[in-house]
C-alpha atoms as a PDB file:
ATOM      1  CA  MET A   1     -16.525 -22.309  -9.115  1.00  0.00           C
ATOM      2  CA  LYS A   2     -15.787 -23.343  -5.515  1.00  0.00           C
ATOM      3  CA  ILE A   3     -14.472 -20.429  -3.477  1.00  0.00           C
ATOM      4  CA  ASP A   4     -12.620 -21.189  -0.246  1.00  0.00           C
ATOM      5  CA  VAL A   5     -11.745 -18.776   2.528  1.00  0.00           C
ATOM      6  CA  PHE A   6      -7.970 -19.053   2.801  1.00  0.00           C
ATOM      7  CA  TRP A   7      -7.715 -16.580   5.689  1.00  0.00           C
ATOM      8  CA  SER A   8     -10.704 -15.198   7.529  1.00  0.00           C
ATOM      9  CA  GLY A   9      -9.044 -12.127   9.047  1.00  0.00           C
ATOM     10  CA  ARG A  10     -10.304  -8.651   8.200  1.00  0.00           C
ATOM     11  CA  ALA A  11      -7.406  -6.721   6.737  1.00  0.00           C
ATOM     12  CA  HIS A  12      -7.892  -3.045   6.072  1.00  0.00           C
ATOM     13  CA  LEU A  13      -6.069  -3.264   2.733  1.00  0.00           C
ATOM     14  CA  ALA A  14      -4.601  -6.683   1.960  1.00  0.00           C
ATOM     15  CA  GLU A  15      -2.381  -6.680  -1.143  1.00  0.00           C
ATOM     16  CA  SER A  16       0.652  -8.197  -2.839  1.00  0.00           C
ATOM     17  CA  PRO A  17       0.114 -11.946  -2.344  1.00  0.00           C
ATOM     18  CA  ILE A  18       3.112 -14.023  -3.380  1.00  0.00           C
ATOM     19  CA  TRP A  19       3.848 -17.740  -3.138  1.00  0.00           C
ATOM     20  CA  SER A  20       7.144 -18.831  -1.588  1.00  0.00           C
ATOM     21  CA  THR A  21       8.153 -22.325  -2.658  1.00  0.00           C
ATOM     22  CA  ALA A  22      10.892 -22.364  -0.002  1.00  0.00           C
ATOM     23  CA  ASP A  23       8.358 -21.767   2.794  1.00  0.00           C
ATOM     24  CA  ALA A  24       5.448 -23.566   1.082  1.00  0.00           C
ATOM     25  CA  ALA A  25       3.296 -20.595   2.053  1.00  0.00           C
ATOM     26  CA  PHE A  26       1.771 -17.391   0.765  1.00  0.00           C
ATOM     27  CA  TYR A  27       2.956 -13.994   1.954  1.00  0.00           C
ATOM     28  CA  TRP A  28       0.912 -10.796   1.646  1.00  0.00           C
ATOM     29  CA  VAL A  29       0.755  -7.316   3.170  1.00  0.00           C
ATOM     30  CA  ASP A  30      -1.777  -5.132   4.942  1.00  0.00           C
ATOM     31  CA  ILE A  31      -0.598  -1.804   3.581  1.00  0.00           C
ATOM     32  CA  TYR A  32      -1.682   0.800   6.124  1.00  0.00           C
ATOM     33  CA  ALA A  33      -1.274  -1.559   9.079  1.00  0.00           C
ATOM     34  CA  GLY A  34       2.399  -1.939   8.085  1.00  0.00           C
ATOM     35  CA  GLN A  35       2.184  -5.722   8.358  1.00  0.00           C
ATOM     36  CA  VAL A  36       3.627  -8.619   6.376  1.00  0.00           C
ATOM     37  CA  TRP A  37       1.622 -11.844   6.754  1.00  0.00           C
ATOM     38  CA  ARG A  38       2.392 -15.513   6.082  1.00  0.00           C
ATOM     39  CA  HIS A  39       0.062 -18.507   5.937  1.00  0.00           C
ATOM     40  CA  ASP A  40       0.257 -21.975   4.400  1.00  0.00           C
ATOM     41  CA  GLY A  41      -3.492 -22.507   4.379  1.00  0.00           C
ATOM     42  CA  ALA A  42      -3.252 -25.407   6.837  1.00  0.00           C
ATOM     43  CA  ALA A  43      -4.308 -25.668  10.456  1.00  0.00           C
ATOM     44  CA  GLN A  44      -1.353 -23.623  11.679  1.00  0.00           C
ATOM     45  CA  ALA A  45      -2.500 -20.057  12.270  1.00  0.00           C
ATOM     46  CA  ALA A  46      -1.427 -17.214  10.025  1.00  0.00           C
ATOM     47  CA  ARG A  47       1.187 -14.919  11.512  1.00  0.00           C
ATOM     48  CA  TYR A  48       2.439 -11.415  10.817  1.00  0.00           C
ATOM     49  CA  TRP A  49       5.459  -9.187  11.285  1.00  0.00           C
ATOM     50  CA  GLN A  50       4.884  -5.599  12.323  1.00  0.00           C
ATOM     51  CA  LEU A  51       6.906  -3.003  10.402  1.00  0.00           C
ATOM     52  CA  ASP A  52       7.280   0.669  11.303  1.00  0.00           C
ATOM     53  CA  GLN A  53       5.990   2.025   7.965  1.00  0.00           C
ATOM     54  CA  ASP A  54       3.266   1.419   5.412  1.00  0.00           C
ATOM     55  CA  VAL A  55       4.262  -1.465   3.152  1.00  0.00           C
ATOM     56  CA  GLY A  56       3.008  -1.164  -0.418  1.00  0.00           C
ATOM     57  CA  CYS A  57       4.182  -4.499  -1.792  1.00  0.00           C
ATOM     58  CA  ILE A  58       6.671  -7.314  -1.453  1.00  0.00           C
ATOM     59  CA  ALA A  59       8.663  -9.617  -3.721  1.00  0.00           C
ATOM     60  CA  LEU A  60      10.787 -12.681  -3.104  1.00  0.00           C
ATOM     61  CA  ARG A  61      14.520 -12.092  -2.690  1.00  0.00           C
ATOM     62  CA  ALA A  62      17.246 -14.322  -4.093  1.00  0.00           C
ATOM     63  CA  GLY A  63      19.020 -16.090  -1.253  1.00  0.00           C
ATOM     64  CA  GLY A  64      16.013 -15.822   1.060  1.00  0.00           C
ATOM     65  CA  GLY A  65      13.880 -13.153   2.641  1.00  0.00           C
ATOM     66  CA  LEU A  66      11.767 -10.539   0.902  1.00  0.00           C
ATOM     67  CA  LEU A  67      12.065  -7.222  -0.879  1.00  0.00           C
ATOM     68  CA  ALA A  68       9.631  -4.677   0.573  1.00  0.00           C
ATOM     69  CA  ALA A  69       8.568  -1.301  -0.796  1.00  0.00           C
ATOM     70  CA  LEU A  70       8.001   0.778   2.342  1.00  0.00           C
ATOM     71  CA  ARG A  71       6.975   4.409   2.463  1.00  0.00           C
ATOM     72  CA  ASP A  72      10.481   5.907   2.304  1.00  0.00           C
ATOM     73  CA  GLY A  73      12.267   3.322   0.207  1.00  0.00           C
ATOM     74  CA  VAL A  74      12.759  -0.244  -0.949  1.00  0.00           C
ATOM     75  CA  TYR A  75      14.301  -2.573   1.621  1.00  0.00           C
ATOM     76  CA  ALA A  76      15.770  -6.045   1.817  1.00  0.00           C
ATOM     77  CA  LEU A  77      13.662  -7.601   4.544  1.00  0.00           C
ATOM     78  CA  GLN A  78      14.564 -10.565   6.711  1.00  0.00           C
ATOM     79  CA  LEU A  79      11.754 -11.972   8.874  1.00  0.00           C
ATOM     80  CA  HIS A  80      12.719 -13.924  11.989  1.00  0.00           C
ATOM     81  CA  GLU A  81      10.661 -16.654  13.617  1.00  0.00           C
ATOM     82  CA  ASP A  82      10.639 -14.814  16.949  1.00  0.00           C
ATOM     83  CA  GLY A  83       8.553 -12.071  15.311  1.00  0.00           C
ATOM     84  CA  SER A  84      11.398  -9.611  14.818  1.00  0.00           C
ATOM     85  CA  HIS A  85      12.710  -8.429  11.481  1.00  0.00           C
ATOM     86  CA  HIS A  86      15.693  -6.700   9.928  1.00  0.00           C
ATOM     87  CA  ALA A  87      15.319  -4.168   7.114  1.00  0.00           C
ATOM     88  CA  SER A  88      18.267  -2.951   5.022  1.00  0.00           C
ATOM     89  CA  LEU A  89      17.773  -0.030   2.629  1.00  0.00           C
ATOM     90  CA  VAL A  90      18.291  -0.895  -1.033  1.00  0.00           C
ATOM     91  CA  ALA A  91      17.049   2.334  -2.621  1.00  0.00           C
ATOM     92  CA  ALA A  92      15.540   5.462  -1.098  1.00  0.00           C
ATOM     93  CA  ALA A  93      12.203   6.509  -2.584  1.00  0.00           C
ATOM     94  CA  ALA A  94      12.423   9.183  -5.251  1.00  0.00           C
ATOM     95  CA  HIS A  95       9.020  10.539  -4.262  1.00  0.00           C
ATOM     96  CA  GLY A  96       8.171  12.935  -1.420  1.00  0.00           C
ATOM     97  CA  SER A  97       6.580  12.300   1.960  1.00  0.00           C
ATOM     98  CA  SER A  98       3.063  12.737   0.554  1.00  0.00           C
ATOM     99  CA  MET A  99       3.551   9.654  -1.650  1.00  0.00           C
ATOM    100  CA  ARG A 100       3.834   5.921  -1.052  1.00  0.00           C
ATOM    101  CA  PHE A 101       4.587   2.808  -3.088  1.00  0.00           C
ATOM    102  CA  ASN A 102       1.788   0.598  -4.322  1.00  0.00           C
ATOM    103  CA  ASP A 103       1.862  -2.416  -6.656  1.00  0.00           C
ATOM    104  CA  GLY A 104       5.214  -4.043  -7.469  1.00  0.00           C
ATOM    105  CA  ARG A 105       6.601  -7.179  -9.109  1.00  0.00           C
ATOM    106  CA  CYS A 106       9.821  -8.631 -10.525  1.00  0.00           C
ATOM    107  CA  ASP A 107      10.200  -9.363 -14.211  1.00  0.00           C
ATOM    108  CA  ARG A 108      11.213 -12.871 -15.330  1.00  0.00           C
ATOM    109  CA  GLN A 109      14.882 -11.971 -14.820  1.00  0.00           C
ATOM    110  CA  GLY A 110      14.470 -10.608 -11.285  1.00  0.00           C
ATOM    111  CA  ARG A 111      14.368  -6.847 -11.915  1.00  0.00           C
ATOM    112  CA  PHE A 112      11.948  -5.078  -9.579  1.00  0.00           C
ATOM    113  CA  TRP A 113       9.226  -2.772 -10.928  1.00  0.00           C
ATOM    114  CA  VAL A 114       7.039  -0.701  -8.610  1.00  0.00           C
ATOM    115  CA  GLY A 115       4.484   2.092  -8.821  1.00  0.00           C
ATOM    116  CA  SER A 116       4.096   5.138  -6.575  1.00  0.00           C
ATOM    117  CA  MET A 117       0.944   7.052  -5.693  1.00  0.00           C
ATOM    118  CA  ALA A 118      -0.324   9.896  -3.538  1.00  0.00           C
ATOM    119  CA  ASP A 119      -1.001   9.096   0.093  1.00  0.00           C
ATOM    120  CA  ARG A 120      -4.675   8.886   1.054  1.00  0.00           C
ATOM    121  CA  GLN A 121      -4.290  11.913   3.361  1.00  0.00           C
ATOM    122  CA  ALA A 122      -2.326  14.125   0.968  1.00  0.00           C
ATOM    123  CA  ALA A 123      -3.815  17.623   0.873  1.00  0.00           C
ATOM    124  CA  THR A 124      -2.832  18.195  -2.759  1.00  0.00           C
ATOM    125  CA  PRO A 125      -2.252  14.796  -4.358  1.00  0.00           C
ATOM    126  CA  ASP A 126       0.649  14.560  -6.789  1.00  0.00           C
ATOM    127  CA  PHE A 127       0.805  12.094  -9.620  1.00  0.00           C
ATOM    128  CA  GLY A 128       2.765   8.878  -9.213  1.00  0.00           C
ATOM    129  CA  CYS A 129       4.722   6.840 -11.704  1.00  0.00           C
ATOM    130  CA  LEU A 130       5.868   3.347 -12.659  1.00  0.00           C
ATOM    131  CA  ALA A 131       9.610   2.679 -12.597  1.00  0.00           C
ATOM    132  CA  ARG A 132      12.112  -0.032 -11.783  1.00  0.00           C
ATOM    133  CA  LEU A 133      15.242  -0.414  -9.724  1.00  0.00           C
ATOM    134  CA  SER A 134      18.567  -0.227 -11.527  1.00  0.00           C
ATOM    135  CA  THR A 135      20.969  -3.137 -11.661  1.00  0.00           C
ATOM    136  CA  ALA A 136      24.670  -2.899 -10.900  1.00  0.00           C
ATOM    137  CA  LEU A 137      25.433  -2.605 -14.612  1.00  0.00           C
ATOM    138  CA  GLU A 138      23.230   0.453 -15.161  1.00  0.00           C
ATOM    139  CA  PRO A 139      24.639   3.920 -14.382  1.00  0.00           C
ATOM    140  CA  GLY A 140      22.670   6.872 -13.104  1.00  0.00           C
ATOM    141  CA  GLY A 141      21.515   5.974  -9.621  1.00  0.00           C
ATOM    142  CA  PRO A 142      19.181   3.391  -8.106  1.00  0.00           C
ATOM    143  CA  TRP A 143      16.127   4.170 -10.284  1.00  0.00           C
ATOM    144  CA  ARG A 144      15.617   3.987 -14.028  1.00  0.00           C
ATOM    145  CA  GLN A 145      13.620   6.602 -15.916  1.00  0.00           C
ATOM    146  CA  PRO A 146       9.887   6.054 -15.230  1.00  0.00           C
ATOM    147  CA  LEU A 147       7.991   4.099 -17.849  1.00  0.00           C
ATOM    148  CA  LYS A 148       4.812   6.080 -17.209  1.00  0.00           C
ATOM    149  CA  THR A 149       4.090   9.213 -15.198  1.00  0.00           C
ATOM    150  CA  SER A 150       0.813  10.999 -14.375  1.00  0.00           C
ATOM    151  CA  MET A 151      -0.499   7.892 -12.629  1.00  0.00           C
ATOM    152  CA  ARG A 152      -3.038   7.968  -9.816  1.00  0.00           C
ATOM    153  CA  ILE A 153      -3.034   4.362  -8.572  1.00  0.00           C
ATOM    154  CA  PRO A 154      -0.515   2.195 -10.466  1.00  0.00           C
ATOM    155  CA  ASN A 155      -1.540  -1.448 -10.369  1.00  0.00           C
ATOM    156  CA  GLY A 156      -1.918  -4.650 -12.358  1.00  0.00           C
ATOM    157  CA  LEU A 157       1.777  -5.391 -12.965  1.00  0.00           C
ATOM    158  CA  GLY A 158       2.390  -8.658 -14.781  1.00  0.00           C
ATOM    159  CA  PHE A 159       4.731 -10.265 -17.293  1.00  0.00           C
ATOM    160  CA  SER A 160       3.945 -12.741 -20.044  1.00  0.00           C
ATOM    161  CA  PRO A 161       5.388 -16.264 -19.703  1.00  0.00           C
ATOM    162  CA  ASP A 162       8.240 -15.483 -22.115  1.00  0.00           C
ATOM    163  CA  GLY A 163       8.866 -12.154 -20.389  1.00  0.00           C
ATOM    164  CA  ARG A 164       8.344 -10.172 -23.592  1.00  0.00           C
ATOM    165  CA  ARG A 165       5.176  -8.371 -22.602  1.00  0.00           C
ATOM    166  CA  LEU A 166       4.595  -6.115 -19.569  1.00  0.00           C
ATOM    167  CA  TYR A 167       1.109  -5.285 -18.295  1.00  0.00           C
ATOM    168  CA  PHE A 168       0.052  -2.553 -15.875  1.00  0.00           C
ATOM    169  CA  SER A 169      -3.055  -0.583 -14.968  1.00  0.00           C
ATOM    170  CA  ASP A 170      -4.276   2.527 -13.195  1.00  0.00           C
ATOM    171  CA  SER A 171      -7.058   1.775 -10.705  1.00  0.00           C
ATOM    172  CA  HIS A 172      -8.248   5.331 -10.267  1.00  0.00           C
ATOM    173  CA  ALA A 173     -11.781   5.999 -11.542  1.00  0.00           C
ATOM    174  CA  SER A 174     -10.461   8.751 -13.829  1.00  0.00           C
ATOM    175  CA  GLN A 175      -8.287   6.180 -15.646  1.00  0.00           C
ATOM    176  CA  ALA A 176      -9.481   2.601 -14.949  1.00  0.00           C
ATOM    177  CA  GLN A 177      -7.529   1.200 -17.897  1.00  0.00           C
ATOM    178  CA  VAL A 178      -4.940  -1.515 -18.526  1.00  0.00           C
ATOM    179  CA  TRP A 179      -1.886  -1.057 -20.763  1.00  0.00           C
ATOM    180  CA  ARG A 180       0.672  -3.408 -22.226  1.00  0.00           C
ATOM    181  CA  CYS A 181       4.196  -2.869 -23.522  1.00  0.00           C
ATOM    182  CA  ASP A 182       6.651  -4.856 -25.571  1.00  0.00           C
ATOM    183  CA  TYR A 183       9.458  -5.785 -23.190  1.00  0.00           C
ATOM    184  CA  GLU A 184      13.086  -6.748 -23.741  1.00  0.00           C
ATOM    185  CA  PRO A 185      14.036  -9.330 -21.109  1.00  0.00           C
ATOM    186  CA  GLU A 186      17.709  -8.946 -21.974  1.00  0.00           C
ATOM    187  CA  SER A 187      17.853  -5.243 -21.089  1.00  0.00           C
ATOM    188  CA  GLY A 188      14.752  -4.658 -18.959  1.00  0.00           C
ATOM    189  CA  THR A 189      13.573  -2.000 -21.423  1.00  0.00           C
ATOM    190  CA  ALA A 190       9.851  -1.480 -22.005  1.00  0.00           C
ATOM    191  CA  GLY A 191       8.406  -0.072 -25.210  1.00  0.00           C
ATOM    192  CA  GLU A 192       5.649   2.483 -25.581  1.00  0.00           C
ATOM    193  CA  PRO A 193       2.533   1.593 -23.537  1.00  0.00           C
ATOM    194  CA  ARG A 194      -0.490   0.659 -25.632  1.00  0.00           C
ATOM    195  CA  LEU A 195      -4.053   0.310 -24.449  1.00  0.00           C
ATOM    196  CA  PHE A 196      -4.884  -3.332 -23.641  1.00  0.00           C
ATOM    197  CA  ILE A 197      -8.249  -3.056 -21.853  1.00  0.00           C
ATOM    198  CA  GLU A 198     -10.170   0.193 -22.174  1.00  0.00           C
ATOM    199  CA  ALA A 199     -12.713  -0.750 -19.493  1.00  0.00           C
ATOM    200  CA  LEU A 200     -13.151  -3.912 -17.454  1.00  0.00           C
ATOM    201  CA  ALA A 201     -16.332  -5.926 -17.783  1.00  0.00           C
ATOM    202  CA  THR A 202     -17.078  -4.796 -14.227  1.00  0.00           C
ATOM    203  CA  GLY A 203     -15.375  -2.653 -11.590  1.00  0.00           C
ATOM    204  CA  ARG A 204     -11.950  -1.019 -11.747  1.00  0.00           C
ATOM    205  CA  PRO A 205      -8.635  -2.771 -12.544  1.00  0.00           C
ATOM    206  CA  ASP A 206      -6.535  -3.659  -9.509  1.00  0.00           C
ATOM    207  CA  GLY A 207      -3.780  -6.246  -8.960  1.00  0.00           C
ATOM    208  CA  ALA A 208      -3.151  -9.030 -11.456  1.00  0.00           C
ATOM    209  CA  ALA A 209      -1.393 -12.301 -12.271  1.00  0.00           C
ATOM    210  CA  VAL A 210      -0.464 -14.133 -15.482  1.00  0.00           C
ATOM    211  CA  ASP A 211      -1.008 -17.876 -16.050  1.00  0.00           C
ATOM    212  CA  ILE A 212       1.081 -20.383 -18.031  1.00  0.00           C
ATOM    213  CA  GLU A 213      -0.953 -19.761 -21.188  1.00  0.00           C
ATOM    214  CA  GLY A 214      -0.422 -16.005 -20.978  1.00  0.00           C
ATOM    215  CA  GLY A 215      -3.898 -15.289 -19.642  1.00  0.00           C
ATOM    216  CA  TYR A 216      -4.089 -12.049 -17.662  1.00  0.00           C
ATOM    217  CA  TRP A 217      -6.092 -12.387 -14.432  1.00  0.00           C
ATOM    218  CA  ILE A 218      -7.125  -9.081 -12.878  1.00  0.00           C
ATOM    219  CA  CYS A 219      -9.105  -8.244  -9.767  1.00  0.00           C
ATOM    220  CA  ALA A 220     -12.143  -6.086 -10.439  1.00  0.00           C
ATOM    221  CA  ASN A 221     -12.204  -3.718  -7.490  1.00  0.00           C
ATOM    222  CA  ASP A 222     -15.777  -2.549  -6.820  1.00  0.00           C
ATOM    223  CA  GLY A 223     -16.839  -5.294  -9.233  1.00  0.00           C
ATOM    224  CA  ALA A 224     -16.773  -8.300  -6.856  1.00  0.00           C
ATOM    225  CA  ALA A 225     -15.016 -10.454  -9.431  1.00  0.00           C
ATOM    226  CA  VAL A 226     -11.738 -11.714 -10.843  1.00  0.00           C
ATOM    227  CA  LEU A 227     -11.488 -11.622 -14.635  1.00  0.00           C
ATOM    228  CA  ARG A 228      -9.296 -13.449 -17.129  1.00  0.00           C
ATOM    229  CA  TYR A 229      -8.349 -11.818 -20.426  1.00  0.00           C
ATOM    230  CA  THR A 230      -6.594 -13.609 -23.261  1.00  0.00           C
ATOM    231  CA  PRO A 231      -3.311 -12.205 -24.633  1.00  0.00           C
ATOM    232  CA  SER A 232      -5.372 -10.580 -27.398  1.00  0.00           C
ATOM    233  CA  GLY A 233      -7.476  -8.695 -24.823  1.00  0.00           C
ATOM    234  CA  ARG A 234     -10.654 -10.782 -25.056  1.00  0.00           C
ATOM    235  CA  LEU A 235     -12.613 -11.412 -21.850  1.00  0.00           C
ATOM    236  CA  ASP A 236     -12.397 -15.174 -21.254  1.00  0.00           C
ATOM    237  CA  ARG A 237     -13.521 -15.782 -17.650  1.00  0.00           C
ATOM    238  CA  HIS A 238     -15.665 -13.885 -15.138  1.00  0.00           C
ATOM    239  CA  ILE A 239     -15.664 -15.356 -11.632  1.00  0.00           C
ATOM    240  CA  GLY A 240     -17.917 -13.636  -9.113  1.00  0.00           C
ATOM    241  CA  LEU A 241     -16.578 -13.250  -5.577  1.00  0.00           C
ATOM    242  CA  PRO A 242     -18.227 -12.735  -2.168  1.00  0.00           C
ATOM    243  CA  VAL A 243     -16.176  -9.558  -1.590  1.00  0.00           C
ATOM    244  CA  ARG A 244     -16.867  -6.224  -3.253  1.00  0.00           C
ATOM    245  CA  LYS A 245     -13.279  -5.017  -3.423  1.00  0.00           C
ATOM    246  CA  PRO A 246     -10.791  -7.742  -4.408  1.00  0.00           C
ATOM    247  CA  THR A 247      -7.342  -6.180  -4.654  1.00  0.00           C
ATOM    248  CA  MET A 248      -4.800  -8.614  -6.137  1.00  0.00           C
ATOM    249  CA  CYS A 249      -4.348 -12.246  -7.088  1.00  0.00           C
ATOM    250  CA  ALA A 250      -1.419 -14.669  -7.291  1.00  0.00           C
ATOM    251  CA  PHE A 251      -0.903 -18.279  -8.276  1.00  0.00           C
ATOM    252  CA  GLY A 252       0.608 -20.618  -5.734  1.00  0.00           C
ATOM    253  CA  GLY A 253       0.465 -23.950  -3.971  1.00  0.00           C
ATOM    254  CA  SER A 254       2.681 -26.943  -4.749  1.00  0.00           C
ATOM    255  CA  ASP A 255       1.259 -27.119  -8.292  1.00  0.00           C
ATOM    256  CA  LEU A 256       0.912 -23.336  -8.749  1.00  0.00           C
ATOM    257  CA  ALA A 257      -2.749 -23.964  -9.575  1.00  0.00           C
ATOM    258  CA  THR A 258      -4.387 -22.154  -6.643  1.00  0.00           C
ATOM    259  CA  LEU A 259      -5.321 -18.543  -7.271  1.00  0.00           C
ATOM    260  CA  LEU A 260      -5.177 -16.567  -4.027  1.00  0.00           C
ATOM    261  CA  ILE A 261      -7.181 -13.330  -3.947  1.00  0.00           C
ATOM    262  CA  THR A 262      -6.684 -10.562  -1.409  1.00  0.00           C
ATOM    263  CA  SER A 263      -9.357  -8.002  -0.563  1.00  0.00           C
ATOM    264  CA  MET A 264      -9.951  -4.798   1.372  1.00  0.00           C
ATOM    265  CA  ARG A 265     -12.657  -3.439   3.602  1.00  0.00           C
ATOM    266  CA  PRO A 266     -14.773  -0.719   1.978  1.00  0.00           C
ATOM    267  CA  ALA A 267     -15.387   2.469   3.892  1.00  0.00           C
ATOM    268  CA  ASP A 268     -19.084   1.630   4.083  1.00  0.00           C
ATOM    269  CA  GLN A 269     -21.265  -1.471   4.172  1.00  0.00           C
ATOM    270  CA  ALA A 270     -18.455  -3.917   4.880  1.00  0.00           C
ATOM    271  CA  THR A 271     -19.425  -7.576   5.017  1.00  0.00           C
ATOM    272  CA  GLU A 272     -17.960 -10.354   7.139  1.00  0.00           C
ATOM    273  CA  LEU A 273     -15.607 -11.463   4.342  1.00  0.00           C
ATOM    274  CA  ASP A 274     -14.345  -8.047   3.264  1.00  0.00           C
ATOM    275  CA  GLY A 275     -10.627  -7.986   4.049  1.00  0.00           C
ATOM    276  CA  ALA A 276     -10.349 -11.778   3.947  1.00  0.00           C
ATOM    277  CA  LEU A 277      -8.290 -13.853   1.494  1.00  0.00           C
ATOM    278  CA  LEU A 278     -10.059 -16.204  -0.905  1.00  0.00           C
ATOM    279  CA  ALA A 279      -8.731 -19.174  -2.875  1.00  0.00           C
ATOM    280  CA  ILE A 280     -10.018 -20.771  -6.073  1.00  0.00           C
ATOM    281  CA  ARG A 281      -8.814 -23.546  -8.389  1.00  0.00           C
ATOM    282  CA  PRO A 282      -9.495 -22.124 -11.865  1.00  0.00           C
ATOM    283  CA  GLY A 283      -8.195 -25.160 -13.767  1.00  0.00           C
ATOM    284  CA  ILE A 284      -4.974 -23.578 -14.990  1.00  0.00           C
ATOM    285  CA  ALA A 285      -1.633 -23.013 -13.317  1.00  0.00           C
ATOM    286  CA  GLY A 286       0.455 -19.908 -12.944  1.00  0.00           C
ATOM    287  CA  LEU A 287       4.186 -19.290 -13.073  1.00  0.00           C
ATOM    288  CA  ALA A 288       6.685 -19.142 -10.251  1.00  0.00           C
ATOM    289  CA  GLU A 289       7.748 -15.595  -9.403  1.00  0.00           C
ATOM    290  CA  THR A 290      11.394 -14.794 -10.071  1.00  0.00           C
ATOM    291  CA  PRO A 291      13.121 -13.482  -6.921  1.00  0.00           C
ATOM    292  CA  TRP A 292      14.728 -10.075  -6.964  1.00  0.00           C
ATOM    293  CA  GLN A 293      18.417 -10.268  -7.744  1.00  0.00           C
ATOM    294  CA  PRO A 294      20.302  -7.869  -5.429  1.00  0.00           C
ATOM    295  CA  LEU A 295      22.561  -6.449  -8.103  1.00  0.00           C
ATOM    296  CA  HIS A 296      22.424  -2.820  -7.013  1.00  0.00           C
ATOM    297  CA  ALA A 297      24.384  -1.922  -3.887  1.00  0.00           C
ATOM    298  CA  ALA A 298      22.615   0.105  -1.233  1.00  0.00           C
ATOM    299  CA  PRO A 299      23.384   3.864  -1.438  1.00  0.00           C
END
């Protein structure tokens, strides 16, 4: 498998890659640097926008721009070519100041799901959860009841091609498992989580993507690999990577057949490529991400 270096920078914690067809480019974040990056993979240099908070994840936004889960809430984010940005609060975070958002993704209808976790410097870490934003038709405030609580590092969000299965994981070493739920696209309701992968073939489960055949691609953090599991949970592909801690993957490019993989720098023994973004052509395409539909008015 040929592995290309898409971006040779050294992010501290690159995450949340997403392909924008409108911009013909990938976006991603460097969480603790508070930066949103964009690059088309061509000769033009990658660029970033500096935010004033940690940014856990991003999603596309219907009508243009991005949705960004910052430390204190979820924002509609407009990035300007002069390097400035405008952020408008959509929903304040339900968690306290010792928490932050982590992995997030829209379902096939444009509802936004996101996980929360304890901050790395929290003295007494609380548990996080996985929940989604309400729509305008749902009473009871901006957040729905969490799907799962008692989570350390929620990750691995993905939806099957027909939108009827939801996947998620917990990256923490005490969990390191992947779950799946039956999902009702019509209502955005998830069923009881069931164990999908008890333990990865290597490493811990991190961010993920789903291909057009329903294959679940997950980054093996500390395992230097990206893995593909079939919808039945069978390990189908194991692709070794030149980075120890890949963090998330996403399909993109004009044919949605490039798998972009973000990574982070380990606290010790970092190599030249740790924190870079890698690209592979695995021989199967992914699905376009559905933009968030701004159906819930800001509080």
